[in-house]
Amino acid sequence: MRVLIPQPLRSYTGQRDRVEAEGATLGALLDDLDRRFPGIRFRMIDEQDRMRPHIVFFVRGAKTLDLGEPLAGSDEVVILQALSGG
């Protein structure tokens, strides 16, 4: 399935803004992304296997906070990274 990558994470994907990955759930998809692009998962998921607060995932156009979210091969996953600062 197609995964849209935010600008801050494109250094892991060779500057590609869209990549292909597989997985029956969002968590499995992120594991597959990490196999293809080592280190990318840690930028989105912390040591306790929780989503980092500055990362937002959209599956089928809806925001999800569940790594167990089921995926279908035709789904598109969008990863957004919030900007912060002061």
N, C-alpha and C. Protein backbone atom coordinates (compact mmCIF):
# COMPACT_ATOMS: atom_id res chain seq x y z
N MET A 1 0.83 -1.18 0.00
CA MET A 1 0.00 0.00 0.00
C MET A 1 0.87 1.24 0.00
N ARG A 2 0.28 2.33 -0.37
CA ARG A 2 1.05 3.57 -0.48
C ARG A 2 1.10 4.28 0.88
N VAL A 3 2.28 4.79 1.22
CA VAL A 3 2.49 5.53 2.46
C VAL A 3 3.07 6.89 2.08
N LEU A 4 2.43 7.96 2.54
CA LEU A 4 2.93 9.31 2.29
C LEU A 4 3.82 9.71 3.46
N ILE A 5 5.03 10.15 3.14
CA ILE A 5 6.07 10.44 4.12
C ILE A 5 6.22 11.95 4.29
N PRO A 6 6.22 12.47 5.52
CA PRO A 6 6.41 13.90 5.72
C PRO A 6 7.87 14.31 5.46
N GLN A 7 8.06 15.55 5.14
CA GLN A 7 9.39 16.08 4.81
C GLN A 7 10.46 15.73 5.85
N PRO A 8 10.20 15.88 7.16
CA PRO A 8 11.26 15.59 8.13
C PRO A 8 11.74 14.13 8.16
N LEU A 9 10.96 13.20 7.61
CA LEU A 9 11.36 11.79 7.61
C LEU A 9 11.89 11.32 6.26
N ARG A 10 11.94 12.18 5.29
CA ARG A 10 12.35 11.76 3.95
C ARG A 10 13.84 11.45 3.85
N SER A 11 14.63 11.86 4.80
CA SER A 11 16.05 11.49 4.77
C SER A 11 16.19 9.97 4.90
N TYR A 12 15.21 9.31 5.48
CA TYR A 12 15.23 7.85 5.61
C TYR A 12 14.81 7.15 4.32
N THR A 13 14.03 7.84 3.49
CA THR A 13 13.47 7.21 2.28
C THR A 13 14.16 7.68 1.01
N GLY A 14 15.33 8.26 1.13
CA GLY A 14 16.02 8.76 -0.05
C GLY A 14 15.28 9.94 -0.67
N GLN A 15 14.65 10.75 0.17
CA GLN A 15 13.90 11.94 -0.21
C GLN A 15 12.58 11.64 -0.93
N ARG A 16 12.16 10.39 -0.93
CA ARG A 16 10.87 10.05 -1.57
C ARG A 16 9.72 10.45 -0.65
N ASP A 17 8.70 11.06 -1.22
CA ASP A 17 7.54 11.47 -0.44
C ASP A 17 6.45 10.40 -0.40
N ARG A 18 6.57 9.38 -1.25
CA ARG A 18 5.63 8.25 -1.28
C ARG A 18 6.44 6.97 -1.40
N VAL A 19 6.10 6.00 -0.56
CA VAL A 19 6.76 4.70 -0.62
C VAL A 19 5.70 3.62 -0.51
N GLU A 20 6.09 2.40 -0.82
CA GLU A 20 5.21 1.24 -0.69
C GLU A 20 5.63 0.44 0.54
N ALA A 21 4.65 -0.10 1.24
CA ALA A 21 4.92 -0.96 2.40
C ALA A 21 3.75 -1.92 2.55
N GLU A 22 3.95 -2.95 3.38
CA GLU A 22 2.93 -3.97 3.59
C GLU A 22 2.69 -4.16 5.08
N GLY A 23 1.49 -4.62 5.41
CA GLY A 23 1.17 -4.94 6.79
C GLY A 23 -0.32 -5.06 6.97
N ALA A 24 -0.72 -5.99 7.82
CA ALA A 24 -2.15 -6.19 8.09
C ALA A 24 -2.68 -5.16 9.08
N THR A 25 -1.77 -4.53 9.85
CA THR A 25 -2.13 -3.49 10.81
C THR A 25 -1.17 -2.32 10.64
N LEU A 26 -1.50 -1.19 11.24
CA LEU A 26 -0.61 -0.04 11.18
C LEU A 26 0.74 -0.38 11.80
N GLY A 27 0.74 -1.09 12.92
CA GLY A 27 2.00 -1.48 13.56
C GLY A 27 2.85 -2.35 12.65
N ALA A 28 2.23 -3.32 11.96
CA ALA A 28 2.96 -4.19 11.04
C ALA A 28 3.49 -3.39 9.85
N LEU A 29 2.72 -2.42 9.39
CA LEU A 29 3.18 -1.56 8.30
C LEU A 29 4.42 -0.78 8.72
N LEU A 30 4.42 -0.25 9.94
CA LEU A 30 5.58 0.50 10.43
C LEU A 30 6.80 -0.41 10.59
N ASP A 31 6.58 -1.65 10.99
CA ASP A 31 7.69 -2.61 11.07
C ASP A 31 8.27 -2.85 9.67
N ASP A 32 7.39 -2.97 8.67
CA ASP A 32 7.85 -3.17 7.30
C ASP A 32 8.60 -1.95 6.80
N LEU A 33 8.09 -0.76 7.11
CA LEU A 33 8.80 0.47 6.73
C LEU A 33 10.20 0.48 7.33
N ASP A 34 10.31 0.03 8.58
CA ASP A 34 11.62 0.03 9.25
C ASP A 34 12.57 -0.99 8.63
N ARG A 35 12.04 -2.09 8.12
CA ARG A 35 12.90 -3.06 7.42
C ARG A 35 13.42 -2.44 6.11
N ARG A 36 12.56 -1.70 5.45
CA ARG A 36 12.94 -1.09 4.17
C ARG A 36 13.79 0.16 4.36
N PHE A 37 13.50 0.90 5.44
CA PHE A 37 14.17 2.17 5.71
C PHE A 37 14.59 2.20 7.17
N PRO A 38 15.71 1.54 7.50
CA PRO A 38 16.12 1.38 8.91
C PRO A 38 16.16 2.70 9.68
N GLY A 39 15.56 2.65 10.87
CA GLY A 39 15.57 3.79 11.77
C GLY A 39 14.33 4.66 11.71
N ILE A 40 13.52 4.52 10.66
CA ILE A 40 12.36 5.42 10.50
C ILE A 40 11.31 5.19 11.58
N ARG A 41 11.10 3.94 12.00
CA ARG A 41 10.06 3.63 12.98
C ARG A 41 10.33 4.34 14.31
N PHE A 42 11.58 4.36 14.75
CA PHE A 42 11.92 4.98 16.03
C PHE A 42 11.60 6.47 16.05
N ARG A 43 11.59 7.11 14.89
CA ARG A 43 11.23 8.53 14.83
C ARG A 43 9.73 8.74 15.04
N MET A 44 8.93 7.66 14.90
CA MET A 44 7.48 7.76 15.04
C MET A 44 6.93 7.06 16.28
N ILE A 45 7.62 6.00 16.74
CA ILE A 45 7.16 5.17 17.84
C ILE A 45 8.26 5.11 18.90
N ASP A 46 7.88 5.32 20.17
CA ASP A 46 8.90 5.37 21.22
C ASP A 46 9.24 3.97 21.77
N GLU A 47 10.07 3.95 22.80
CA GLU A 47 10.57 2.71 23.37
C GLU A 47 9.47 1.89 24.05
N GLN A 48 8.36 2.53 24.42
CA GLN A 48 7.23 1.84 25.04
C GLN A 48 6.18 1.44 24.00
N ASP A 49 6.55 1.50 22.74
CA ASP A 49 5.69 1.15 21.61
C ASP A 49 4.45 2.05 21.53
N ARG A 50 4.65 3.33 21.86
CA ARG A 50 3.58 4.33 21.77
C ARG A 50 3.94 5.34 20.68
N MET A 51 2.91 5.89 20.06
CA MET A 51 3.13 6.91 19.03
C MET A 51 3.71 8.16 19.69
N ARG A 52 4.70 8.72 19.05
CA ARG A 52 5.28 9.97 19.57
C ARG A 52 4.24 11.08 19.41
N PRO A 53 4.21 12.03 20.34
CA PRO A 53 3.14 13.04 20.33
C PRO A 53 3.14 13.95 19.11
N HIS A 54 4.25 14.08 18.42
CA HIS A 54 4.30 14.97 17.26
C HIS A 54 3.99 14.26 15.94
N ILE A 55 3.63 12.98 16.00
CA ILE A 55 3.32 12.21 14.80
C ILE A 55 1.83 11.89 14.78
N VAL A 56 1.21 12.05 13.61
CA VAL A 56 -0.20 11.73 13.42
C VAL A 56 -0.32 10.82 12.20
N PHE A 57 -1.12 9.77 12.34
CA PHE A 57 -1.35 8.83 11.25
C PHE A 57 -2.80 8.94 10.78
N PHE A 58 -2.99 8.92 9.46
CA PHE A 58 -4.31 8.88 8.87
C PHE A 58 -4.40 7.64 8.00
N VAL A 59 -5.46 6.86 8.23
CA VAL A 59 -5.73 5.65 7.45
C VAL A 59 -7.11 5.83 6.83
N ARG A 60 -7.19 5.71 5.52
CA ARG A 60 -8.46 5.92 4.81
C ARG A 60 -9.03 7.29 5.13
N GLY A 61 -8.18 8.27 5.31
CA GLY A 61 -8.61 9.65 5.56
C GLY A 61 -9.00 9.97 6.98
N ALA A 62 -8.92 9.00 7.90
CA ALA A 62 -9.30 9.22 9.29
C ALA A 62 -8.09 9.08 10.20
N LYS A 63 -7.98 10.00 11.14
CA LYS A 63 -6.88 9.95 12.12
C LYS A 63 -7.02 8.71 12.98
N THR A 64 -5.90 8.06 13.25
CA THR A 64 -5.91 6.89 14.15
C THR A 64 -4.78 6.99 15.16
N LEU A 65 -5.06 6.50 16.35
CA LEU A 65 -4.06 6.44 17.42
C LEU A 65 -3.78 5.00 17.80
N ASP A 66 -4.23 4.06 16.97
CA ASP A 66 -4.18 2.64 17.27
C ASP A 66 -3.22 1.91 16.34
N LEU A 67 -2.12 1.38 16.90
CA LEU A 67 -1.19 0.61 16.07
C LEU A 67 -1.82 -0.69 15.58
N GLY A 68 -2.90 -1.11 16.21
CA GLY A 68 -3.62 -2.31 15.79
C GLY A 68 -4.65 -2.05 14.70
N GLU A 69 -4.73 -0.82 14.22
CA GLU A 69 -5.68 -0.46 13.16
C GLU A 69 -5.49 -1.38 11.96
N PRO A 70 -6.56 -2.11 11.57
CA PRO A 70 -6.42 -3.02 10.42
C PRO A 70 -6.27 -2.25 9.11
N LEU A 71 -5.47 -2.82 8.22
CA LEU A 71 -5.22 -2.21 6.92
C LEU A 71 -5.57 -3.19 5.81
N ALA A 72 -5.96 -2.63 4.68
CA ALA A 72 -6.19 -3.42 3.47
C ALA A 72 -5.16 -2.98 2.44
N GLY A 73 -4.87 -3.85 1.49
CA GLY A 73 -3.85 -3.55 0.49
C GLY A 73 -4.11 -2.30 -0.33
N SER A 74 -5.37 -1.88 -0.42
CA SER A 74 -5.70 -0.70 -1.21
C SER A 74 -5.68 0.59 -0.39
N ASP A 75 -5.42 0.49 0.92
CA ASP A 75 -5.41 1.67 1.78
C ASP A 75 -4.23 2.58 1.49
N GLU A 76 -4.43 3.85 1.81
CA GLU A 76 -3.34 4.82 1.77
C GLU A 76 -3.13 5.29 3.20
N VAL A 77 -1.88 5.30 3.64
CA VAL A 77 -1.55 5.76 4.98
C VAL A 77 -0.77 7.06 4.84
N VAL A 78 -1.23 8.07 5.55
CA VAL A 78 -0.58 9.37 5.53
C VAL A 78 0.05 9.59 6.91
N ILE A 79 1.32 9.94 6.92
CA ILE A 79 2.03 10.25 8.15
C ILE A 79 2.27 11.75 8.16
N LEU A 80 1.84 12.40 9.23
CA LEU A 80 2.08 13.84 9.37
C LEU A 80 2.93 14.06 10.61
N GLN A 81 3.79 15.04 10.52
CA GLN A 81 4.63 15.39 11.66
C GLN A 81 4.34 16.83 12.01
N ALA A 82 3.85 17.05 13.23
CA ALA A 82 3.54 18.40 13.68
C ALA A 82 4.83 19.16 13.91
N LEU A 83 4.77 20.44 13.67
CA LEU A 83 5.90 21.33 13.94
C LEU A 83 5.67 21.99 15.28
N SER A 84 6.76 22.18 16.00
CA SER A 84 6.64 22.86 17.29
C SER A 84 7.81 23.82 17.45
N GLY A 85 7.70 24.63 18.43
CA GLY A 85 8.76 25.60 18.67
C GLY A 85 8.17 26.85 19.28
N GLY A 86 9.00 27.80 19.48
CA GLY A 86 8.48 29.01 20.12
C GLY A 86 9.22 30.21 19.68
